[in-house]
Amino acid sequence: MMVKGLGLMVIPVLFLIIGISAITFMFIPSMSTYSVMNENQNNSNTNQSQFSITTNLTLLKQLDLHTLSQSLNNTISDLMDIAEASMNGSNSFGNMPMVNITSEMKMKYHGIPSDLDLEKRNEAKKLLATNKALLYVGLLLPNGDRYFGEPYSPYQTNSSITNFAYRDHFIGAVETNQPYLSNTLNAVSTGEPLAILANPIYSDAKNNNTLIGVQVLGLNYTYFNDLVKSAMLPEDSNKRFVIIDSNGTEIADSSSDNKNMELYKELQSFQNAKNGESGILVEKVNGKNMYISYTPIKFAQTNWIVLLMSTKD
């Protein structure tokens, strides 16, 4: 009798379990194809991490952002490698001793003369020759004074400033002990817009002891402009690629006719990308409804944002 009773009790329990499972399944949130968080965080689960990467690649292809994002990520990776090489001492930027800069040198040359510390200058020239994304390469002293800059002319000879301790990229690199990317600013020597990737260099790279200086890499916006234009296809006449810094300032634009016409900060697509999301929205740009695909691109401590605009009407 007890066995029979037990059997009768099992049936309702089974129905209860099945019911709970069905309710749980109904309320599992589904992933939207056009709105996912950018996966840049470390994940302890290898399979989950691989799934996230695959999902993001698939999404970027659907948004027509994959090719440009890949090219941009490759360029950023090369720039970060340069910064890391200087920080770990695998190039000559951290070599000692360095030339003592006199007050006369500061006034006359805005740093050391062009014929001093040729080892570091030649290293900088080599970086410039092999990396078209670079506009100039320089080294600042621990107090922010310029040690040297290449090309020597115009970036050192025409400079109106010799100390850069007030710049955000200098402060950020020293305070974080990591590469730090500025938002768009104007070069003090030429007035052209650029961003600067700065990284600290220490005599003891492992323990961050004794700051030798701060390497500064000026980024060439013309290169990035050519990059977005090369991503356009002949049939993409109604489309426009834009790269923007996290402050909303335009870095590159595939449409030279429309440069700097938008207030990007006001676009929801910009805000979503700034928050780490990738997706697509319909928004008004200059009074016209536009499809806007968007994605963030991780660069040092910040994000650049890539937008693809196409006409809706």
C-alpha atoms as a PDB file:
ATOM      1  CA  MET A   1       0.000   0.000   0.000  1.00  0.00           C
ATOM      2  CA  MET A   2       2.841   2.372   0.795  1.00  0.00           C
ATOM      3  CA  VAL A   3       4.431   1.700  -2.616  1.00  0.00           C
ATOM      4  CA  LYS A   4       1.205   2.459  -4.401  1.00  0.00           C
ATOM      5  CA  GLY A   5       0.774   5.613  -2.387  1.00  0.00           C
ATOM      6  CA  LEU A   6       4.301   6.674  -3.231  1.00  0.00           C
ATOM      7  CA  GLY A   7       3.603   6.125  -6.918  1.00  0.00           C
ATOM      8  CA  LEU A   8       0.566   8.352  -6.763  1.00  0.00           C
ATOM      9  CA  MET A   9       2.623  11.071  -5.033  1.00  0.00           C
ATOM     10  CA  VAL A  10       5.368  10.963  -7.713  1.00  0.00           C
ATOM     11  CA  ILE A  11       3.017  11.898 -10.544  1.00  0.00           C
ATOM     12  CA  PRO A  12       2.018  15.352  -9.181  1.00  0.00           C
ATOM     13  CA  VAL A  13       5.661  16.039  -8.285  1.00  0.00           C
ATOM     14  CA  LEU A  14       6.735  15.296 -11.865  1.00  0.00           C
ATOM     15  CA  PHE A  15       4.077  17.612 -13.242  1.00  0.00           C
ATOM     16  CA  LEU A  16       5.223  20.287 -10.798  1.00  0.00           C
ATOM     17  CA  ILE A  17       8.871  19.966 -11.941  1.00  0.00           C
ATOM     18  CA  ILE A  18       7.888  20.069 -15.626  1.00  0.00           C
ATOM     19  CA  GLY A  19       5.726  23.124 -14.992  1.00  0.00           C
ATOM     20  CA  ILE A  20       8.509  24.995 -13.215  1.00  0.00           C
ATOM     21  CA  SER A  21      10.976  24.132 -16.010  1.00  0.00           C
ATOM     22  CA  ALA A  22       8.568  25.413 -18.643  1.00  0.00           C
ATOM     23  CA  ILE A  23       8.014  28.676 -16.789  1.00  0.00           C
ATOM     24  CA  THR A  24      11.779  29.119 -16.297  1.00  0.00           C
ATOM     25  CA  PHE A  25      12.421  28.553 -20.027  1.00  0.00           C
ATOM     26  CA  MET A  26       9.779  31.126 -20.971  1.00  0.00           C
ATOM     27  CA  PHE A  27      11.526  33.812 -18.952  1.00  0.00           C
ATOM     28  CA  ILE A  28      15.124  33.237 -20.128  1.00  0.00           C
ATOM     29  CA  PRO A  29      16.058  36.523 -21.901  1.00  0.00           C
ATOM     30  CA  SER A  30      16.937  36.142 -25.576  1.00  0.00           C
ATOM     31  CA  MET A  31      19.923  37.939 -27.185  1.00  0.00           C
ATOM     32  CA  SER A  32      18.918  40.714 -29.551  1.00  0.00           C
ATOM     33  CA  THR A  33      20.686  40.424 -32.900  1.00  0.00           C
ATOM     34  CA  TYR A  34      21.182  44.172 -33.059  1.00  0.00           C
ATOM     35  CA  SER A  35      22.097  45.064 -29.506  1.00  0.00           C
ATOM     36  CA  VAL A  36      24.858  43.275 -27.600  1.00  0.00           C
ATOM     37  CA  MET A  37      27.479  44.420 -25.152  1.00  0.00           C
ATOM     38  CA  ASN A  38      31.010  44.559 -26.497  1.00  0.00           C
ATOM     39  CA  GLU A  39      32.972  41.619 -25.036  1.00  0.00           C
ATOM     40  CA  ASN A  40      36.298  43.009 -23.841  1.00  0.00           C
ATOM     41  CA  GLN A  41      36.318  41.604 -20.307  1.00  0.00           C
ATOM     42  CA  ASN A  42      38.199  38.517 -19.187  1.00  0.00           C
ATOM     43  CA  ASN A  43      35.971  35.450 -18.909  1.00  0.00           C
ATOM     44  CA  SER A  44      36.957  32.498 -16.754  1.00  0.00           C
ATOM     45  CA  ASN A  45      34.887  30.154 -18.897  1.00  0.00           C
ATOM     46  CA  THR A  46      36.762  29.486 -22.158  1.00  0.00           C
ATOM     47  CA  ASN A  47      33.717  28.162 -23.998  1.00  0.00           C
ATOM     48  CA  GLN A  48      31.607  31.165 -22.996  1.00  0.00           C
ATOM     49  CA  SER A  49      34.408  33.529 -24.065  1.00  0.00           C
ATOM     50  CA  GLN A  50      34.697  31.840 -27.442  1.00  0.00           C
ATOM     51  CA  PHE A  51      30.921  32.052 -27.886  1.00  0.00           C
ATOM     52  CA  SER A  52      30.996  35.776 -27.096  1.00  0.00           C
ATOM     53  CA  ILE A  53      33.772  36.453 -29.613  1.00  0.00           C
ATOM     54  CA  THR A  54      31.990  34.486 -32.327  1.00  0.00           C
ATOM     55  CA  THR A  55      28.702  36.240 -31.593  1.00  0.00           C
ATOM     56  CA  ASN A  56      30.344  39.665 -31.778  1.00  0.00           C
ATOM     57  CA  LEU A  57      32.072  38.863 -35.085  1.00  0.00           C
ATOM     58  CA  THR A  58      28.778  37.665 -36.544  1.00  0.00           C
ATOM     59  CA  LEU A  59      27.034  40.823 -35.371  1.00  0.00           C
ATOM     60  CA  LEU A  60      29.705  43.116 -36.831  1.00  0.00           C
ATOM     61  CA  LYS A  61      29.387  41.340 -40.182  1.00  0.00           C
ATOM     62  CA  GLN A  62      25.617  41.856 -40.091  1.00  0.00           C
ATOM     63  CA  LEU A  63      26.192  45.539 -39.345  1.00  0.00           C
ATOM     64  CA  ASP A  64      28.764  45.896 -42.187  1.00  0.00           C
ATOM     65  CA  LEU A  65      31.346  46.993 -39.602  1.00  0.00           C
ATOM     66  CA  HIS A  66      33.537  43.893 -39.538  1.00  0.00           C
ATOM     67  CA  THR A  67      36.122  44.860 -42.191  1.00  0.00           C
ATOM     68  CA  LEU A  68      36.775  48.372 -40.885  1.00  0.00           C
ATOM     69  CA  SER A  69      36.741  47.215 -37.249  1.00  0.00           C
ATOM     70  CA  GLN A  70      39.281  44.506 -38.020  1.00  0.00           C
ATOM     71  CA  SER A  71      41.616  46.940 -39.814  1.00  0.00           C
ATOM     72  CA  LEU A  72      41.296  49.450 -37.005  1.00  0.00           C
ATOM     73  CA  ASN A  73      41.931  46.840 -34.326  1.00  0.00           C
ATOM     74  CA  ASN A  74      45.049  45.648 -36.180  1.00  0.00           C
ATOM     75  CA  THR A  75      46.405  49.203 -36.327  1.00  0.00           C
ATOM     76  CA  ILE A  76      45.670  49.804 -32.649  1.00  0.00           C
ATOM     77  CA  SER A  77      47.337  46.510 -31.734  1.00  0.00           C
ATOM     78  CA  ASP A  78      50.511  47.590 -33.585  1.00  0.00           C
ATOM     79  CA  LEU A  79      50.529  50.944 -31.755  1.00  0.00           C
ATOM     80  CA  MET A  80      50.041  49.291 -28.381  1.00  0.00           C
ATOM     81  CA  ASP A  81      52.921  46.913 -29.195  1.00  0.00           C
ATOM     82  CA  ILE A  82      55.190  49.935 -29.730  1.00  0.00           C
ATOM     83  CA  ALA A  83      54.171  51.343 -26.351  1.00  0.00           C
ATOM     84  CA  GLU A  84      54.737  47.994 -24.640  1.00  0.00           C
ATOM     85  CA  ALA A  85      58.160  47.584 -26.272  1.00  0.00           C
ATOM     86  CA  SER A  86      59.293  50.910 -24.833  1.00  0.00           C
ATOM     87  CA  MET A  87      57.865  50.090 -21.426  1.00  0.00           C
ATOM     88  CA  ASN A  88      59.564  46.692 -21.154  1.00  0.00           C
ATOM     89  CA  GLY A  89      62.913  47.962 -22.451  1.00  0.00           C
ATOM     90  CA  SER A  90      63.041  46.062 -25.728  1.00  0.00           C
ATOM     91  CA  ASN A  91      63.928  49.208 -27.685  1.00  0.00           C
ATOM     92  CA  SER A  92      66.334  52.082 -27.015  1.00  0.00           C
ATOM     93  CA  PHE A  93      63.865  54.584 -25.517  1.00  0.00           C
ATOM     94  CA  GLY A  94      64.658  53.567 -21.956  1.00  0.00           C
ATOM     95  CA  ASN A  95      68.418  53.426 -22.382  1.00  0.00           C
ATOM     96  CA  MET A  96      70.536  55.489 -20.014  1.00  0.00           C
ATOM     97  CA  PRO A  97      72.278  57.853 -19.726  1.00  0.00           C
ATOM     98  CA  MET A  98      70.404  60.654 -21.430  1.00  0.00           C
ATOM     99  CA  VAL A  99      71.741  64.049 -22.409  1.00  0.00           C
ATOM    100  CA  ASN A 100      71.306  66.800 -19.822  1.00  0.00           C
ATOM    101  CA  ILE A 101      69.111  69.538 -21.314  1.00  0.00           C
ATOM    102  CA  THR A 102      70.338  73.049 -20.626  1.00  0.00           C
ATOM    103  CA  SER A 103      68.220  76.203 -20.547  1.00  0.00           C
ATOM    104  CA  GLU A 104      69.899  77.246 -23.792  1.00  0.00           C
ATOM    105  CA  MET A 105      68.845  73.975 -25.469  1.00  0.00           C
ATOM    106  CA  LYS A 106      65.244  74.532 -24.363  1.00  0.00           C
ATOM    107  CA  MET A 107      65.168  78.033 -25.754  1.00  0.00           C
ATOM    108  CA  LYS A 108      67.016  77.329 -28.990  1.00  0.00           C
ATOM    109  CA  TYR A 109      66.034  73.742 -29.847  1.00  0.00           C
ATOM    110  CA  HIS A 110      62.933  73.081 -27.666  1.00  0.00           C
ATOM    111  CA  GLY A 111      64.726  69.930 -26.464  1.00  0.00           C
ATOM    112  CA  ILE A 112      68.061  68.350 -27.335  1.00  0.00           C
ATOM    113  CA  PRO A 113      69.670  69.316 -30.678  1.00  0.00           C
ATOM    114  CA  SER A 114      69.093  67.100 -33.704  1.00  0.00           C
ATOM    115  CA  ASP A 115      72.612  65.593 -33.527  1.00  0.00           C
ATOM    116  CA  LEU A 116      72.408  64.340 -29.925  1.00  0.00           C
ATOM    117  CA  ASP A 117      71.228  60.936 -28.620  1.00  0.00           C
ATOM    118  CA  LEU A 118      71.058  59.594 -32.157  1.00  0.00           C
ATOM    119  CA  GLU A 119      70.255  56.090 -30.916  1.00  0.00           C
ATOM    120  CA  LYS A 120      66.837  57.196 -29.670  1.00  0.00           C
ATOM    121  CA  ARG A 121      66.259  59.513 -32.609  1.00  0.00           C
ATOM    122  CA  ASN A 122      67.040  56.731 -35.083  1.00  0.00           C
ATOM    123  CA  GLU A 123      64.683  54.411 -33.202  1.00  0.00           C
ATOM    124  CA  ALA A 124      61.961  57.048 -33.567  1.00  0.00           C
ATOM    125  CA  LYS A 125      62.691  57.494 -37.278  1.00  0.00           C
ATOM    126  CA  LYS A 126      62.461  53.738 -37.781  1.00  0.00           C
ATOM    127  CA  LEU A 127      59.054  53.653 -36.058  1.00  0.00           C
ATOM    128  CA  LEU A 128      57.816  56.465 -38.272  1.00  0.00           C
ATOM    129  CA  ALA A 129      59.072  54.752 -41.431  1.00  0.00           C
ATOM    130  CA  THR A 130      57.352  51.461 -40.616  1.00  0.00           C
ATOM    131  CA  ASN A 131      54.093  52.723 -39.082  1.00  0.00           C
ATOM    132  CA  LYS A 132      52.006  55.013 -41.273  1.00  0.00           C
ATOM    133  CA  ALA A 133      49.544  55.558 -38.423  1.00  0.00           C
ATOM    134  CA  LEU A 134      52.221  57.630 -36.659  1.00  0.00           C
ATOM    135  CA  LEU A 135      52.658  61.333 -37.259  1.00  0.00           C
ATOM    136  CA  TYR A 136      55.504  61.870 -34.811  1.00  0.00           C
ATOM    137  CA  VAL A 137      57.393  60.122 -32.015  1.00  0.00           C
ATOM    138  CA  GLY A 138      58.875  61.859 -29.011  1.00  0.00           C
ATOM    139  CA  LEU A 139      60.125  61.478 -25.463  1.00  0.00           C
ATOM    140  CA  LEU A 140      59.268  63.691 -22.497  1.00  0.00           C
ATOM    141  CA  LEU A 141      61.313  63.905 -19.312  1.00  0.00           C
ATOM    142  CA  PRO A 142      59.790  63.023 -15.900  1.00  0.00           C
ATOM    143  CA  ASN A 143      59.011  66.709 -15.301  1.00  0.00           C
ATOM    144  CA  GLY A 144      57.180  66.991 -18.641  1.00  0.00           C
ATOM    145  CA  ASP A 145      59.954  68.795 -20.573  1.00  0.00           C
ATOM    146  CA  ARG A 146      60.447  67.627 -24.149  1.00  0.00           C
ATOM    147  CA  TYR A 147      63.612  65.570 -24.548  1.00  0.00           C
ATOM    148  CA  PHE A 148      63.297  65.182 -28.291  1.00  0.00           C
ATOM    149  CA  GLY A 149      60.732  64.859 -31.076  1.00  0.00           C
ATOM    150  CA  GLU A 150      60.847  63.296 -34.539  1.00  0.00           C
ATOM    151  CA  PRO A 151      60.544  64.441 -37.243  1.00  0.00           C
ATOM    152  CA  TYR A 152      62.812  67.112 -35.774  1.00  0.00           C
ATOM    153  CA  SER A 153      61.263  69.608 -38.158  1.00  0.00           C
ATOM    154  CA  PRO A 154      58.533  70.729 -37.713  1.00  0.00           C
ATOM    155  CA  TYR A 155      57.501  68.920 -34.520  1.00  0.00           C
ATOM    156  CA  GLN A 156      60.427  70.063 -32.412  1.00  0.00           C
ATOM    157  CA  THR A 157      61.689  73.148 -34.225  1.00  0.00           C
ATOM    158  CA  ASN A 158      58.261  74.801 -34.609  1.00  0.00           C
ATOM    159  CA  SER A 159      56.928  74.015 -31.147  1.00  0.00           C
ATOM    160  CA  SER A 160      55.670  76.914 -29.068  1.00  0.00           C
ATOM    161  CA  ILE A 161      55.705  74.809 -25.868  1.00  0.00           C
ATOM    162  CA  THR A 162      58.513  72.802 -24.277  1.00  0.00           C
ATOM    163  CA  ASN A 163      56.769  71.396 -21.180  1.00  0.00           C
ATOM    164  CA  PHE A 164      53.745  69.081 -21.399  1.00  0.00           C
ATOM    165  CA  ALA A 165      53.200  68.152 -17.764  1.00  0.00           C
ATOM    166  CA  TYR A 166      49.753  69.780 -17.953  1.00  0.00           C
ATOM    167  CA  ARG A 167      48.540  67.503 -20.776  1.00  0.00           C
ATOM    168  CA  ASP A 168      46.025  64.788 -19.919  1.00  0.00           C
ATOM    169  CA  HIS A 169      48.014  62.088 -21.712  1.00  0.00           C
ATOM    170  CA  PHE A 170      51.148  62.844 -19.680  1.00  0.00           C
ATOM    171  CA  ILE A 171      49.243  62.892 -16.397  1.00  0.00           C
ATOM    172  CA  GLY A 172      47.259  59.766 -17.311  1.00  0.00           C
ATOM    173  CA  ALA A 173      50.332  57.740 -18.281  1.00  0.00           C
ATOM    174  CA  VAL A 174      52.214  58.641 -15.096  1.00  0.00           C
ATOM    175  CA  GLU A 175      49.258  58.114 -12.751  1.00  0.00           C
ATOM    176  CA  THR A 176      48.126  54.782 -14.233  1.00  0.00           C
ATOM    177  CA  ASN A 177      51.566  53.355 -15.144  1.00  0.00           C
ATOM    178  CA  GLN A 178      49.927  52.268 -18.404  1.00  0.00           C
ATOM    179  CA  PRO A 179      49.582  53.521 -21.999  1.00  0.00           C
ATOM    180  CA  TYR A 180      47.089  56.389 -22.050  1.00  0.00           C
ATOM    181  CA  LEU A 181      45.297  57.805 -25.104  1.00  0.00           C
ATOM    182  CA  SER A 182      44.275  61.443 -25.306  1.00  0.00           C
ATOM    183  CA  ASN A 183      41.152  62.701 -26.989  1.00  0.00           C
ATOM    184  CA  THR A 184      41.624  64.832 -30.100  1.00  0.00           C
ATOM    185  CA  LEU A 185      43.813  67.913 -29.589  1.00  0.00           C
ATOM    186  CA  ASN A 186      45.801  70.293 -31.784  1.00  0.00           C
ATOM    187  CA  ALA A 187      49.560  69.850 -32.236  1.00  0.00           C
ATOM    188  CA  VAL A 188      51.458  72.757 -30.678  1.00  0.00           C
ATOM    189  CA  SER A 189      53.891  72.797 -33.608  1.00  0.00           C
ATOM    190  CA  THR A 190      51.564  72.591 -36.619  1.00  0.00           C
ATOM    191  CA  GLY A 191      48.043  73.105 -35.262  1.00  0.00           C
ATOM    192  CA  GLU A 192      46.782  69.924 -36.925  1.00  0.00           C
ATOM    193  CA  PRO A 193      44.329  67.651 -35.070  1.00  0.00           C
ATOM    194  CA  LEU A 194      45.703  64.423 -33.635  1.00  0.00           C
ATOM    195  CA  ALA A 195      45.525  62.123 -30.629  1.00  0.00           C
ATOM    196  CA  ILE A 196      48.512  61.134 -28.519  1.00  0.00           C
ATOM    197  CA  LEU A 197      49.254  57.706 -27.094  1.00  0.00           C
ATOM    198  CA  ALA A 198      51.556  58.202 -24.104  1.00  0.00           C
ATOM    199  CA  ASN A 199      53.279  55.558 -22.007  1.00  0.00           C
ATOM    200  CA  PRO A 200      55.640  55.802 -19.013  1.00  0.00           C
ATOM    201  CA  ILE A 201      59.132  54.323 -19.114  1.00  0.00           C
ATOM    202  CA  TYR A 202      60.839  53.213 -15.893  1.00  0.00           C
ATOM    203  CA  SER A 203      64.395  52.148 -15.125  1.00  0.00           C
ATOM    204  CA  ASP A 204      62.926  49.046 -13.464  1.00  0.00           C
ATOM    205  CA  ALA A 205      60.069  48.055 -15.757  1.00  0.00           C
ATOM    206  CA  LYS A 206      58.791  45.244 -13.521  1.00  0.00           C
ATOM    207  CA  ASN A 207      58.403  47.360 -10.392  1.00  0.00           C
ATOM    208  CA  ASN A 208      57.730  50.785 -11.962  1.00  0.00           C
ATOM    209  CA  ASN A 209      60.718  52.286 -10.143  1.00  0.00           C
ATOM    210  CA  THR A 210      62.378  55.563 -11.226  1.00  0.00           C
ATOM    211  CA  LEU A 211      60.494  57.229 -14.062  1.00  0.00           C
ATOM    212  CA  ILE A 212      62.879  57.861 -16.977  1.00  0.00           C
ATOM    213  CA  GLY A 213      60.386  59.606 -19.194  1.00  0.00           C
ATOM    214  CA  VAL A 214      57.137  59.361 -21.126  1.00  0.00           C
ATOM    215  CA  GLN A 215      57.075  58.237 -24.738  1.00  0.00           C
ATOM    216  CA  VAL A 216      54.537  60.103 -26.888  1.00  0.00           C
ATOM    217  CA  LEU A 217      53.157  58.756 -30.170  1.00  0.00           C
ATOM    218  CA  GLY A 218      51.269  61.297 -32.268  1.00  0.00           C
ATOM    219  CA  LEU A 219      48.568  59.577 -34.335  1.00  0.00           C
ATOM    220  CA  ASN A 220      48.187  60.452 -37.994  1.00  0.00           C
ATOM    221  CA  TYR A 221      44.526  61.277 -38.713  1.00  0.00           C
ATOM    222  CA  THR A 222      45.186  61.255 -42.458  1.00  0.00           C
ATOM    223  CA  TYR A 223      46.021  57.553 -42.166  1.00  0.00           C
ATOM    224  CA  PHE A 224      42.720  56.833 -40.398  1.00  0.00           C
ATOM    225  CA  ASN A 225      40.850  58.922 -42.976  1.00  0.00           C
ATOM    226  CA  ASP A 226      42.364  56.778 -45.737  1.00  0.00           C
ATOM    227  CA  LEU A 227      41.434  53.679 -43.734  1.00  0.00           C
ATOM    228  CA  VAL A 228      37.716  54.502 -43.654  1.00  0.00           C
ATOM    229  CA  LYS A 229      37.716  55.424 -47.332  1.00  0.00           C
ATOM    230  CA  SER A 230      39.349  52.127 -48.254  1.00  0.00           C
ATOM    231  CA  ALA A 231      36.516  50.311 -46.442  1.00  0.00           C
ATOM    232  CA  MET A 232      33.956  51.800 -48.844  1.00  0.00           C
ATOM    233  CA  LEU A 233      32.835  49.798 -51.888  1.00  0.00           C
ATOM    234  CA  PRO A 234      31.850  51.328 -55.268  1.00  0.00           C
ATOM    235  CA  GLU A 235      28.188  50.520 -54.561  1.00  0.00           C
ATOM    236  CA  ASP A 236      28.327  52.257 -51.159  1.00  0.00           C
ATOM    237  CA  SER A 237      27.673  55.770 -52.467  1.00  0.00           C
ATOM    238  CA  ASN A 238      24.807  56.218 -49.984  1.00  0.00           C
ATOM    239  CA  LYS A 239      26.925  55.115 -47.019  1.00  0.00           C
ATOM    240  CA  ARG A 240      29.385  56.908 -44.804  1.00  0.00           C
ATOM    241  CA  PHE A 241      31.935  55.593 -42.285  1.00  0.00           C
ATOM    242  CA  VAL A 242      32.992  57.787 -39.369  1.00  0.00           C
ATOM    243  CA  ILE A 243      35.472  57.224 -36.529  1.00  0.00           C
ATOM    244  CA  ILE A 244      34.940  59.347 -33.412  1.00  0.00           C
ATOM    245  CA  ASP A 245      36.836  59.682 -30.150  1.00  0.00           C
ATOM    246  CA  SER A 246      35.094  59.199 -26.800  1.00  0.00           C
ATOM    247  CA  ASN A 247      34.644  62.965 -26.500  1.00  0.00           C
ATOM    248  CA  GLY A 248      32.540  63.047 -29.678  1.00  0.00           C
ATOM    249  CA  THR A 249      35.208  64.599 -31.922  1.00  0.00           C
ATOM    250  CA  GLU A 250      35.567  63.257 -35.445  1.00  0.00           C
ATOM    251  CA  ILE A 251      38.820  61.432 -36.240  1.00  0.00           C
ATOM    252  CA  ALA A 252      38.092  60.166 -39.749  1.00  0.00           C
ATOM    253  CA  ASP A 253      35.284  60.451 -42.285  1.00  0.00           C
ATOM    254  CA  SER A 254      34.788  58.623 -45.582  1.00  0.00           C
ATOM    255  CA  SER A 255      32.743  61.566 -46.914  1.00  0.00           C
ATOM    256  CA  SER A 256      34.924  64.658 -47.271  1.00  0.00           C
ATOM    257  CA  ASP A 257      31.890  66.782 -48.201  1.00  0.00           C
ATOM    258  CA  ASN A 258      30.156  66.257 -44.860  1.00  0.00           C
ATOM    259  CA  LYS A 259      33.098  66.468 -42.482  1.00  0.00           C
ATOM    260  CA  ASN A 260      32.323  67.813 -39.000  1.00  0.00           C
ATOM    261  CA  MET A 261      28.647  68.515 -39.781  1.00  0.00           C
ATOM    262  CA  GLU A 262      27.141  66.411 -36.975  1.00  0.00           C
ATOM    263  CA  LEU A 263      27.007  66.812 -33.236  1.00  0.00           C
ATOM    264  CA  TYR A 264      27.821  63.180 -32.532  1.00  0.00           C
ATOM    265  CA  LYS A 265      27.307  63.484 -28.791  1.00  0.00           C
ATOM    266  CA  GLU A 266      23.581  63.915 -29.391  1.00  0.00           C
ATOM    267  CA  LEU A 267      23.242  60.600 -31.259  1.00  0.00           C
ATOM    268  CA  GLN A 268      21.926  57.662 -29.243  1.00  0.00           C
ATOM    269  CA  SER A 269      24.081  55.366 -31.377  1.00  0.00           C
ATOM    270  CA  PHE A 270      27.172  57.260 -30.184  1.00  0.00           C
ATOM    271  CA  GLN A 271      26.078  56.991 -26.554  1.00  0.00           C
ATOM    272  CA  ASN A 272      25.328  53.273 -26.907  1.00  0.00           C
ATOM    273  CA  ALA A 273      28.759  52.589 -28.424  1.00  0.00           C
ATOM    274  CA  LYS A 274      30.435  54.685 -25.754  1.00  0.00           C
ATOM    275  CA  ASN A 275      28.756  52.412 -23.194  1.00  0.00           C
ATOM    276  CA  GLY A 276      30.254  49.349 -24.908  1.00  0.00           C
ATOM    277  CA  GLU A 277      27.348  48.290 -27.110  1.00  0.00           C
ATOM    278  CA  SER A 278      27.173  47.359 -30.799  1.00  0.00           C
ATOM    279  CA  GLY A 279      23.960  47.625 -32.807  1.00  0.00           C
ATOM    280  CA  ILE A 280      21.875  49.590 -35.285  1.00  0.00           C
ATOM    281  CA  LEU A 281      19.382  52.448 -34.874  1.00  0.00           C
ATOM    282  CA  VAL A 282      17.362  54.800 -37.049  1.00  0.00           C
ATOM    283  CA  GLU A 283      18.188  58.409 -36.157  1.00  0.00           C
ATOM    284  CA  LYS A 284      17.862  61.846 -37.702  1.00  0.00           C
ATOM    285  CA  VAL A 285      21.100  63.300 -39.056  1.00  0.00           C
ATOM    286  CA  ASN A 286      20.884  66.778 -40.584  1.00  0.00           C
ATOM    287  CA  GLY A 287      17.119  66.356 -40.763  1.00  0.00           C
ATOM    288  CA  LYS A 288      17.235  62.993 -42.571  1.00  0.00           C
ATOM    289  CA  ASN A 289      16.364  59.568 -41.209  1.00  0.00           C
ATOM    290  CA  MET A 290      19.479  57.402 -41.289  1.00  0.00           C
ATOM    291  CA  TYR A 291      20.340  53.825 -40.436  1.00  0.00           C
ATOM    292  CA  ILE A 292      23.326  54.031 -38.086  1.00  0.00           C
ATOM    293  CA  SER A 293      25.358  50.920 -37.285  1.00  0.00           C
ATOM    294  CA  TYR A 294      27.699  51.432 -34.354  1.00  0.00           C
ATOM    295  CA  THR A 295      30.423  49.658 -32.401  1.00  0.00           C
ATOM    296  CA  PRO A 296      33.145  50.615 -29.886  1.00  0.00           C
ATOM    297  CA  ILE A 297      36.835  49.942 -30.549  1.00  0.00           C
ATOM    298  CA  LYS A 298      38.955  49.507 -27.426  1.00  0.00           C
ATOM    299  CA  PHE A 299      42.066  51.720 -27.423  1.00  0.00           C
ATOM    300  CA  ALA A 300      44.242  51.884 -24.274  1.00  0.00           C
ATOM    301  CA  GLN A 301      41.974  53.102 -21.435  1.00  0.00           C
ATOM    302  CA  THR A 302      39.185  54.399 -23.671  1.00  0.00           C
ATOM    303  CA  ASN A 303      37.016  53.609 -26.709  1.00  0.00           C
ATOM    304  CA  TRP A 304      36.935  54.971 -30.203  1.00  0.00           C
ATOM    305  CA  ILE A 305      33.542  54.659 -31.874  1.00  0.00           C
ATOM    306  CA  VAL A 306      32.846  53.521 -35.436  1.00  0.00           C
ATOM    307  CA  LEU A 307      29.586  54.589 -37.112  1.00  0.00           C
ATOM    308  CA  LEU A 308      28.215  53.524 -40.480  1.00  0.00           C
ATOM    309  CA  MET A 309      25.475  55.825 -41.729  1.00  0.00           C
ATOM    310  CA  SER A 310      23.176  54.992 -44.657  1.00  0.00           C
ATOM    311  CA  THR A 311      20.056  56.682 -45.942  1.00  0.00           C
ATOM    312  CA  LYS A 312      16.717  55.211 -44.905  1.00  0.00           C
ATOM    313  CA  ASP A 313      14.310  57.206 -47.099  1.00  0.00           C
END
